[in-house]
Amino acid sequence: MHYNFDEAVERRGTYSLKWDGAELIKQFGITDRFDEDTIPLFTADMDLPVAQPIVDALHKTVDHRIFGYTILPDSYFEAIQHYFNKRYEWNIPKEQIVFSPGTVHALNIAVKAYTEPGDGVIIQRPVYPPFTSAVEGNGRVVKNNALVAGEDGHYTINFEEFEELAKDEDTKLFIHCHPHNPTGRVFTPEESQKLAAICKRHNVTIIADEIHGDLIRTGQTFTPMVLATDDSDHIITCTAINKTFNVAGLHCTNVIIEDEKLREKFTLELGMQLPTPFTVAALIAAYTEGDDWLEQLNSYLDGTLEWVQAFLKERMPKVKVRIPEGTYVLWLDFRAYGIDDQEIHDRIYNKANVVLEDGTMFGEEGVGFQRMCIPSPRPLIEQAMERIAHEFEDLK
């Protein structure tokens, strides 16, 4: 089946956080202006129709007309095993799969399960803001191993600093973002193996958020962290259909926990969590029949990312941008304009009426940057970029 991702699907009036959540978005401090003319590109939420097998599965669930308490059937686990075996040759025993209603929820559970108040948790800024809130919001201490930005926008890991942080007796956990959001890095197996080995030496548990692992750009290869090392019992992996298949509203994360004691701690802190019947139906359909849609999606995202890069080169050459190795986010560097973050924000959010995310939300390393999520019909992205370029014309 051919999917037309240029199709504009009206999302206003559908309870969409992205399009209908003006008050909440203002409350979050993302923007002061949000109206019927706003183009929101601030969140990792696609404006693209999902795979037809998922739609069909959800219709079948609705047609049953009863939506009671729901279990995880064998077919749910088999779909996960089939998908990861086929895609990565990763054989996951059923008992290692733990359902969680969302990845941010799982991160908070991991922090509470594997650390005590006052313990240190390593993160690598600039990074997705809930990593910080999962640590600080639970009374733990952030230990920032900031990624190192190269002149070409390629980020690398400061391994010496990472090991020094891991050595500290109070460091108990490392929250790893892979592929990295917002820099777009897909870490090599060698980088992953080195991180895993350091953590193993110093008794630091790793929770690897790999929910963008299927959204990989052409020519890149994603290797789950557990497959990059022979010693992986201290690694916990978050997988999800939410980002890959655009079903974030169904709250479906699967946490893979190899070590039995770590699994017991996690499940005890998690408590009983039941999925909805829609969650079960969507996952089975996505993981058994969604490959064709995902292949077309990644190709479409490649085209959009290339278009934005070419547009910026021609119309806003002062903005530095690198096509991410993974994810569908762009980390835009506006520092060459020589204006402060407030003016960058005002020109984009208030004057152009396009909502992105200020780089400072990802840590002090984000000063002068903006994060832009591009999984929308390309005509909408083109409109947004035209608006932004217009507001920076006087700074050429």
Protein backbone atom coordinates (compact mmCIF):
# COMPACT_ATOMS: atom_id res chain seq x y z
CA MET A 1 0.00 0.00 0.00
CA HIS A 2 1.23 3.48 -0.89
CA TYR A 3 0.90 6.14 1.81
CA ASN A 4 0.49 9.81 0.92
CA PHE A 5 2.30 11.63 3.70
CA ASP A 6 1.72 14.99 2.00
CA GLU A 7 -1.96 14.65 2.94
CA ALA A 8 -3.06 17.30 5.43
CA VAL A 9 -5.16 15.80 8.21
CA GLU A 10 -6.99 18.33 10.36
CA ARG A 11 -6.08 17.71 13.99
CA ARG A 12 -7.72 20.70 15.65
CA GLY A 13 -10.76 19.64 17.61
CA THR A 14 -9.43 16.10 18.24
CA TYR A 15 -8.09 16.66 21.79
CA SER A 16 -4.57 16.97 20.38
CA LEU A 17 -2.01 18.35 22.81
CA LYS A 18 -0.04 19.63 19.84
CA TRP A 19 -2.91 21.48 18.17
CA ASP A 20 -5.56 21.99 20.87
CA GLY A 21 -3.42 22.36 23.97
CA ALA A 22 -2.85 26.11 23.89
CA GLU A 23 -3.36 26.70 27.60
CA LEU A 24 -1.20 23.76 28.63
CA ILE A 25 1.53 24.73 26.16
CA LYS A 26 1.57 28.26 27.58
CA GLN A 27 1.63 26.80 31.10
CA PHE A 28 4.68 24.72 30.17
CA GLY A 29 6.41 27.96 29.19
CA ILE A 30 6.92 26.92 25.59
CA THR A 31 5.24 29.99 24.10
CA ASP A 32 3.01 32.94 24.98
CA ARG A 33 1.35 33.01 21.58
CA PHE A 34 -0.77 30.12 20.37
CA ASP A 35 -3.78 30.74 18.16
CA GLU A 36 -5.64 29.37 15.15
CA ASP A 37 -2.77 30.44 12.84
CA THR A 38 0.02 28.81 14.87
CA ILE A 39 2.12 26.07 13.29
CA PRO A 40 3.23 23.77 16.14
CA LEU A 41 6.44 21.82 15.49
CA PHE A 42 7.53 21.51 19.10
CA THR A 43 6.74 17.94 20.04
CA ALA A 44 7.67 14.49 18.77
CA ASP A 45 4.17 13.75 17.56
CA MET A 46 3.52 13.05 13.89
CA ASP A 47 0.86 14.80 11.83
CA LEU A 48 0.94 11.79 9.51
CA PRO A 49 -1.71 9.03 9.28
CA VAL A 50 -0.73 5.74 10.90
CA ALA A 51 -0.30 2.42 9.13
CA GLN A 52 -3.55 0.97 7.76
CA PRO A 53 -3.15 -2.34 9.66
CA ILE A 54 -3.19 -0.36 12.91
CA VAL A 55 -6.34 1.50 11.84
CA ASP A 56 -8.00 -1.80 10.91
CA ALA A 57 -7.03 -3.39 14.25
CA LEU A 58 -8.42 -0.45 16.19
CA HIS A 59 -11.67 -0.52 14.19
CA LYS A 60 -12.02 -4.19 15.04
CA THR A 61 -11.51 -3.38 18.71
CA VAL A 62 -14.13 -0.63 18.60
CA ASP A 63 -16.59 -2.88 16.81
CA HIS A 64 -16.45 -5.32 19.70
CA ARG A 65 -18.15 -2.59 21.80
CA ILE A 66 -16.75 -3.63 25.19
CA PHE A 67 -13.59 -2.05 26.60
CA GLY A 68 -12.95 -3.73 29.93
CA TYR A 69 -9.83 -4.50 31.92
CA THR A 70 -7.26 -5.94 29.56
CA ILE A 71 -4.46 -8.48 29.86
CA LEU A 72 -1.32 -8.90 27.80
CA PRO A 73 -1.94 -12.04 25.69
CA ASP A 74 0.77 -14.32 24.35
CA SER A 75 0.28 -12.74 20.93
CA TYR A 76 1.40 -9.40 22.38
CA PHE A 77 4.74 -10.81 23.56
CA GLU A 78 5.15 -12.85 20.38
CA ALA A 79 4.73 -9.72 18.27
CA ILE A 80 7.50 -7.97 20.23
CA GLN A 81 9.78 -10.99 19.94
CA HIS A 82 9.08 -11.32 16.21
CA TYR A 83 9.79 -7.66 15.52
CA PHE A 84 13.08 -7.35 17.39
CA ASN A 85 14.34 -10.69 16.16
CA LYS A 86 13.59 -9.79 12.56
CA ARG A 87 14.93 -6.25 12.79
CA TYR A 88 17.96 -6.65 15.04
CA GLU A 89 18.41 -10.42 15.58
CA TRP A 90 17.63 -9.69 19.22
CA ASN A 91 16.07 -12.70 20.95
CA ILE A 92 14.04 -11.45 23.91
CA PRO A 93 12.62 -14.00 26.36
CA LYS A 94 9.01 -13.29 27.28
CA GLU A 95 9.73 -12.95 30.99
CA GLN A 96 12.12 -10.04 30.33
CA ILE A 97 9.35 -7.86 28.84
CA VAL A 98 7.64 -5.48 31.28
CA PHE A 99 4.77 -3.28 30.13
CA SER A 100 4.76 0.38 31.16
CA PRO A 101 2.21 3.07 30.24
CA GLY A 102 4.83 5.34 28.72
CA THR A 103 8.58 5.86 28.64
CA VAL A 104 8.77 8.93 30.88
CA HIS A 105 6.81 6.93 33.46
CA ALA A 106 9.32 4.09 33.10
CA LEU A 107 12.27 6.46 33.61
CA ASN A 108 10.74 7.77 36.83
CA ILE A 109 10.09 4.22 38.01
CA ALA A 110 13.71 3.26 37.28
CA VAL A 111 15.07 6.26 39.20
CA LYS A 112 12.97 5.32 42.23
CA ALA A 113 13.70 1.60 41.94
CA TYR A 114 17.49 1.75 41.54
CA THR A 115 18.52 4.83 43.52
CA GLU A 116 17.89 6.51 46.87
CA PRO A 117 17.28 10.23 47.54
CA GLY A 118 20.57 12.08 47.12
CA ASP A 119 22.11 9.51 44.78
CA GLY A 120 23.68 10.65 41.53
CA VAL A 121 22.28 9.91 38.08
CA ILE A 122 24.31 10.54 34.92
CA ILE A 123 22.62 12.17 31.93
CA GLN A 124 24.13 13.69 28.79
CA ARG A 125 22.89 17.19 28.02
CA PRO A 126 21.63 18.73 25.89
CA VAL A 127 18.94 16.12 26.44
CA TYR A 128 15.18 15.59 26.47
CA PRO A 129 13.91 17.63 29.48
CA PRO A 130 12.08 14.74 31.28
CA PHE A 131 15.49 13.13 31.88
CA THR A 132 16.32 16.01 34.21
CA SER A 133 12.90 16.07 35.84
CA ALA A 134 12.97 12.29 36.42
CA VAL A 135 16.16 12.81 38.44
CA GLU A 136 15.58 16.08 40.24
CA GLY A 137 11.84 15.57 40.65
CA ASN A 138 12.55 12.43 42.65
CA GLY A 139 15.15 14.03 44.91
CA ARG A 140 18.21 12.65 43.13
CA VAL A 141 21.21 14.58 41.80
CA VAL A 142 21.99 15.19 38.12
CA LYS A 143 25.55 14.37 37.07
CA ASN A 144 25.91 15.90 33.64
CA ASN A 145 28.30 14.31 31.17
CA ALA A 146 27.64 16.92 28.49
CA LEU A 147 28.07 15.80 24.92
CA VAL A 148 30.85 17.58 23.07
CA ALA A 149 29.78 19.57 20.01
CA GLY A 150 32.10 19.62 17.01
CA GLU A 151 32.33 22.46 14.52
CA ASP A 152 30.21 20.46 12.09
CA GLY A 153 27.44 19.85 14.63
CA HIS A 154 28.52 16.26 15.28
CA TYR A 155 28.38 15.41 18.98
CA THR A 156 30.73 13.03 20.76
CA ILE A 157 31.08 11.61 24.28
CA ASN A 158 33.63 12.78 26.84
CA PHE A 159 34.50 9.30 28.08
CA GLU A 160 37.12 10.48 30.60
CA GLU A 161 34.58 12.67 32.36
CA PHE A 162 31.96 9.92 32.11
CA GLU A 163 34.21 7.49 33.94
CA GLU A 164 35.04 10.05 36.63
CA LEU A 165 31.32 10.56 37.25
CA ALA A 166 30.66 6.81 37.24
CA LYS A 167 33.45 6.28 39.80
CA ASP A 168 31.70 8.39 42.42
CA GLU A 169 30.29 6.15 45.13
CA ASP A 170 26.95 7.94 45.05
CA THR A 171 26.47 7.43 41.28
CA LYS A 172 23.97 4.61 40.84
CA LEU A 173 22.28 5.11 37.47
CA PHE A 174 22.93 6.28 33.92
CA ILE A 175 19.97 7.32 31.76
CA HIS A 176 21.09 6.86 28.17
CA CYS A 177 19.26 8.51 25.27
CA HIS A 178 19.86 6.46 22.12
CA PRO A 179 19.31 7.69 19.45
CA HIS A 180 20.05 10.94 21.21
CA ASN A 181 17.35 13.58 21.45
CA PRO A 182 17.90 16.38 20.40
CA THR A 183 21.34 15.98 18.77
CA GLY A 184 20.29 13.06 16.57
CA ARG A 185 23.35 10.93 17.34
CA VAL A 186 23.14 7.20 16.76
CA PHE A 187 25.99 5.92 18.88
CA THR A 188 28.28 3.33 17.34
CA PRO A 189 28.53 -0.17 18.84
CA GLU A 190 32.02 0.79 20.01
CA GLU A 191 30.70 3.85 21.86
CA SER A 192 27.87 1.84 23.41
CA GLN A 193 30.23 -0.95 24.45
CA LYS A 194 32.57 1.55 26.10
CA LEU A 195 29.76 3.19 28.06
CA ALA A 196 28.42 -0.21 29.13
CA ALA A 197 31.86 -1.39 30.26
CA ILE A 198 32.50 1.73 32.35
CA CYS A 199 29.15 1.36 34.06
CA LYS A 200 29.76 -2.33 34.71
CA ARG A 201 33.15 -1.59 36.30
CA HIS A 202 31.61 0.89 38.70
CA ASN A 203 28.34 -0.88 39.44
CA VAL A 204 26.17 1.69 37.66
CA THR A 205 22.86 0.51 36.25
CA ILE A 206 21.91 1.74 32.77
CA ILE A 207 18.43 2.52 31.52
CA ALA A 208 18.63 3.01 27.75
CA ASP A 209 15.79 4.99 26.20
CA GLU A 210 15.79 3.57 22.66
CA ILE A 211 12.27 4.53 21.59
CA HIS A 212 13.55 6.37 18.49
CA GLY A 213 15.62 3.35 17.44
CA ASP A 214 13.49 2.58 14.38
CA LEU A 215 13.59 6.15 13.08
CA ILE A 216 17.00 5.93 11.46
CA ARG A 217 18.22 7.84 8.47
CA THR A 218 19.33 6.19 5.24
CA GLY A 219 22.87 4.90 5.46
CA GLN A 220 22.84 4.70 9.24
CA THR A 221 22.62 1.55 11.38
CA PHE A 222 21.14 1.36 14.86
CA THR A 223 22.44 -1.27 17.27
CA PRO A 224 20.58 -1.69 20.59
CA MET A 225 22.97 -1.15 23.46
CA VAL A 226 22.49 -4.66 24.84
CA LEU A 227 23.68 -6.10 21.52
CA ALA A 228 26.84 -3.99 21.54
CA THR A 229 28.26 -5.74 24.59
CA ASP A 230 28.60 -9.31 25.82
CA ASP A 231 27.95 -8.19 29.39
CA SER A 232 24.49 -6.64 29.39
CA ASP A 233 22.77 -7.74 32.59
CA HIS A 234 23.06 -4.20 34.03
CA ILE A 235 21.27 -2.67 31.02
CA ILE A 236 17.54 -1.96 30.94
CA THR A 237 16.05 -0.99 27.58
CA CYS A 238 12.93 1.05 26.87
CA THR A 239 11.27 0.20 23.56
CA ALA A 240 7.99 1.56 22.28
CA ILE A 241 5.59 1.78 19.36
CA ASN A 242 4.69 5.33 20.40
CA LYS A 243 7.21 7.30 18.34
CA THR A 244 7.84 4.79 15.55
CA PHE A 245 4.20 4.22 14.65
CA ASN A 246 2.67 7.53 15.81
CA VAL A 247 0.49 6.14 18.59
CA ALA A 248 1.80 8.16 21.55
CA GLY A 249 -1.73 8.58 22.84
CA LEU A 250 -1.98 4.84 23.46
CA HIS A 251 0.82 4.90 26.07
CA CYS A 252 2.69 1.73 25.20
CA THR A 253 6.28 1.18 26.31
CA ASN A 254 7.94 -2.18 26.81
CA VAL A 255 10.89 -2.31 29.18
CA ILE A 256 13.36 -5.12 28.57
CA ILE A 257 15.07 -6.18 31.82
CA GLU A 258 17.50 -9.08 31.58
CA ASP A 259 18.55 -9.36 35.22
CA GLU A 260 15.93 -10.97 37.46
CA LYS A 261 16.75 -8.89 40.54
CA LEU A 262 16.62 -5.63 38.57
CA ARG A 263 13.34 -6.77 37.06
CA GLU A 264 11.87 -7.52 40.48
CA LYS A 265 12.84 -4.08 41.78
CA PHE A 266 11.34 -2.37 38.73
CA THR A 267 8.06 -4.29 38.77
CA LEU A 268 7.64 -3.78 42.51
CA GLU A 269 8.01 -0.01 42.10
CA LEU A 270 5.84 -0.04 38.97
CA GLY A 271 2.91 -1.82 40.58
CA MET A 272 0.10 -3.35 38.57
CA GLN A 273 -0.28 -1.70 35.18
CA LEU A 274 -2.91 -2.81 32.69
CA PRO A 275 -3.00 -1.80 29.02
CA THR A 276 -6.09 -0.78 27.12
CA PRO A 277 -7.45 -3.15 24.47
CA PHE A 278 -6.49 -0.50 21.90
CA THR A 279 -2.87 -0.63 23.07
CA VAL A 280 -2.70 -4.40 22.65
CA ALA A 281 -4.35 -4.35 19.23
CA ALA A 282 -2.15 -1.52 17.97
CA LEU A 283 1.12 -3.13 19.06
CA ILE A 284 0.32 -6.49 17.51
CA ALA A 285 -0.64 -4.83 14.23
CA ALA A 286 2.36 -2.48 14.21
CA TYR A 287 4.96 -5.12 14.95
CA THR A 288 3.56 -7.77 12.62
CA GLU A 289 2.21 -5.68 9.70
CA GLY A 290 3.79 -2.23 9.94
CA ASP A 291 7.10 -2.70 8.14
CA ASP A 292 5.94 -1.33 4.79
CA TRP A 293 4.55 1.85 6.36
CA LEU A 294 7.72 2.36 8.41
CA GLU A 295 9.94 2.00 5.35
CA GLN A 296 7.89 4.62 3.49
CA LEU A 297 7.86 6.89 6.54
CA ASN A 298 11.64 6.88 6.94
CA SER A 299 12.06 7.65 3.26
CA TYR A 300 9.63 10.57 3.57
CA LEU A 301 11.40 11.90 6.65
CA ASP A 302 14.73 11.69 4.78
CA GLY A 303 13.26 13.89 2.07
CA THR A 304 11.90 16.45 4.50
CA LEU A 305 15.16 16.68 6.43
CA GLU A 306 17.09 17.17 3.20
CA TRP A 307 14.61 19.84 2.08
CA VAL A 308 14.98 21.79 5.34
CA GLN A 309 18.76 21.58 5.18
CA ALA A 310 18.77 22.89 1.58
CA PHE A 311 16.29 25.64 2.45
CA LEU A 312 18.43 26.85 5.34
CA LYS A 313 21.57 26.80 3.21
CA GLU A 314 19.90 29.07 0.66
CA ARG A 315 17.69 31.32 2.80
CA MET A 316 19.24 31.24 6.29
CA PRO A 317 22.89 30.25 5.81
CA LYS A 318 23.82 31.48 9.29
CA VAL A 319 21.80 28.65 10.82
CA LYS A 320 23.96 25.58 11.24
CA VAL A 321 22.16 22.25 11.00
CA ARG A 322 23.20 18.65 10.59
CA ILE A 323 20.82 15.95 9.38
CA PRO A 324 20.38 13.64 12.38
CA GLU A 325 21.58 10.06 12.21
CA GLY A 326 18.39 9.06 13.98
CA THR A 327 15.09 10.61 15.20
CA TYR A 328 13.02 13.15 13.28
CA VAL A 329 14.22 16.23 15.15
CA LEU A 330 16.53 18.99 13.96
CA TRP A 331 18.88 20.77 16.35
CA LEU A 332 19.17 24.23 14.84
CA ASP A 333 22.11 26.46 15.78
CA PHE A 334 21.18 30.18 15.53
CA ARG A 335 24.25 31.51 17.36
CA ALA A 336 25.85 33.04 14.27
CA TYR A 337 23.10 35.68 14.20
CA GLY A 338 24.62 37.27 17.29
CA ILE A 339 21.29 37.81 19.03
CA ASP A 340 20.19 36.47 22.38
CA ASP A 341 17.78 33.59 23.02
CA GLN A 342 14.88 35.90 23.79
CA GLU A 343 15.13 37.62 20.42
CA ILE A 344 15.47 34.28 18.60
CA HIS A 345 12.36 33.12 20.44
CA ASP A 346 10.42 36.30 19.69
CA ARG A 347 11.13 36.20 15.97
CA ILE A 348 10.11 32.53 15.62
CA TYR A 349 7.30 32.08 18.16
CA ASN A 350 5.64 35.49 18.28
CA LYS A 351 6.30 37.01 14.86
CA ALA A 352 6.48 33.94 12.59
CA ASN A 353 3.91 32.18 14.84
CA VAL A 354 5.76 28.87 14.62
CA VAL A 355 6.25 26.94 17.84
CA LEU A 356 9.54 25.03 18.24
CA GLU A 357 11.37 24.32 21.52
CA ASP A 358 13.98 26.66 22.97
CA GLY A 359 17.35 24.93 23.24
CA THR A 360 17.73 26.00 26.86
CA MET A 361 14.96 23.56 27.78
CA PHE A 362 17.53 20.83 27.08
CA GLY A 363 20.18 22.33 29.36
CA GLU A 364 22.60 25.25 29.29
CA GLU A 365 24.32 23.55 26.32
CA GLY A 366 21.27 24.55 24.29
CA VAL A 367 21.83 28.31 24.46
CA GLY A 368 21.35 29.69 20.94
CA PHE A 369 19.67 26.51 19.65
CA GLN A 370 16.12 25.53 18.72
CA ARG A 371 14.68 22.02 18.42
CA MET A 372 12.31 21.42 15.52
CA CYS A 373 10.25 18.26 15.00
CA ILE A 374 9.57 17.62 11.30
CA PRO A 375 7.18 14.60 11.05
CA SER A 376 4.42 16.62 9.37
CA PRO A 377 3.27 16.94 5.77
CA ARG A 378 6.07 18.63 3.87
CA PRO A 379 3.88 21.52 2.65
CA LEU A 380 3.31 22.46 6.31
CA ILE A 381 7.06 22.35 7.00
CA GLU A 382 7.67 24.52 3.93
CA GLN A 383 5.13 27.07 5.16
CA ALA A 384 6.72 27.16 8.61
CA MET A 385 10.22 27.64 7.20
CA GLU A 386 9.08 30.45 4.90
CA ARG A 387 7.61 32.26 7.89
CA ILE A 388 10.76 31.86 9.97
CA ALA A 389 13.07 32.93 7.13
CA HIS A 390 10.98 36.07 6.58
CA GLU A 391 11.51 37.12 10.20
CA PHE A 392 15.31 36.81 9.92
CA GLU A 393 15.75 38.55 6.55
CA ASP A 394 16.93 41.79 8.17
CA LEU A 395 19.85 39.97 9.81
CA LYS A 396 21.53 38.68 6.65
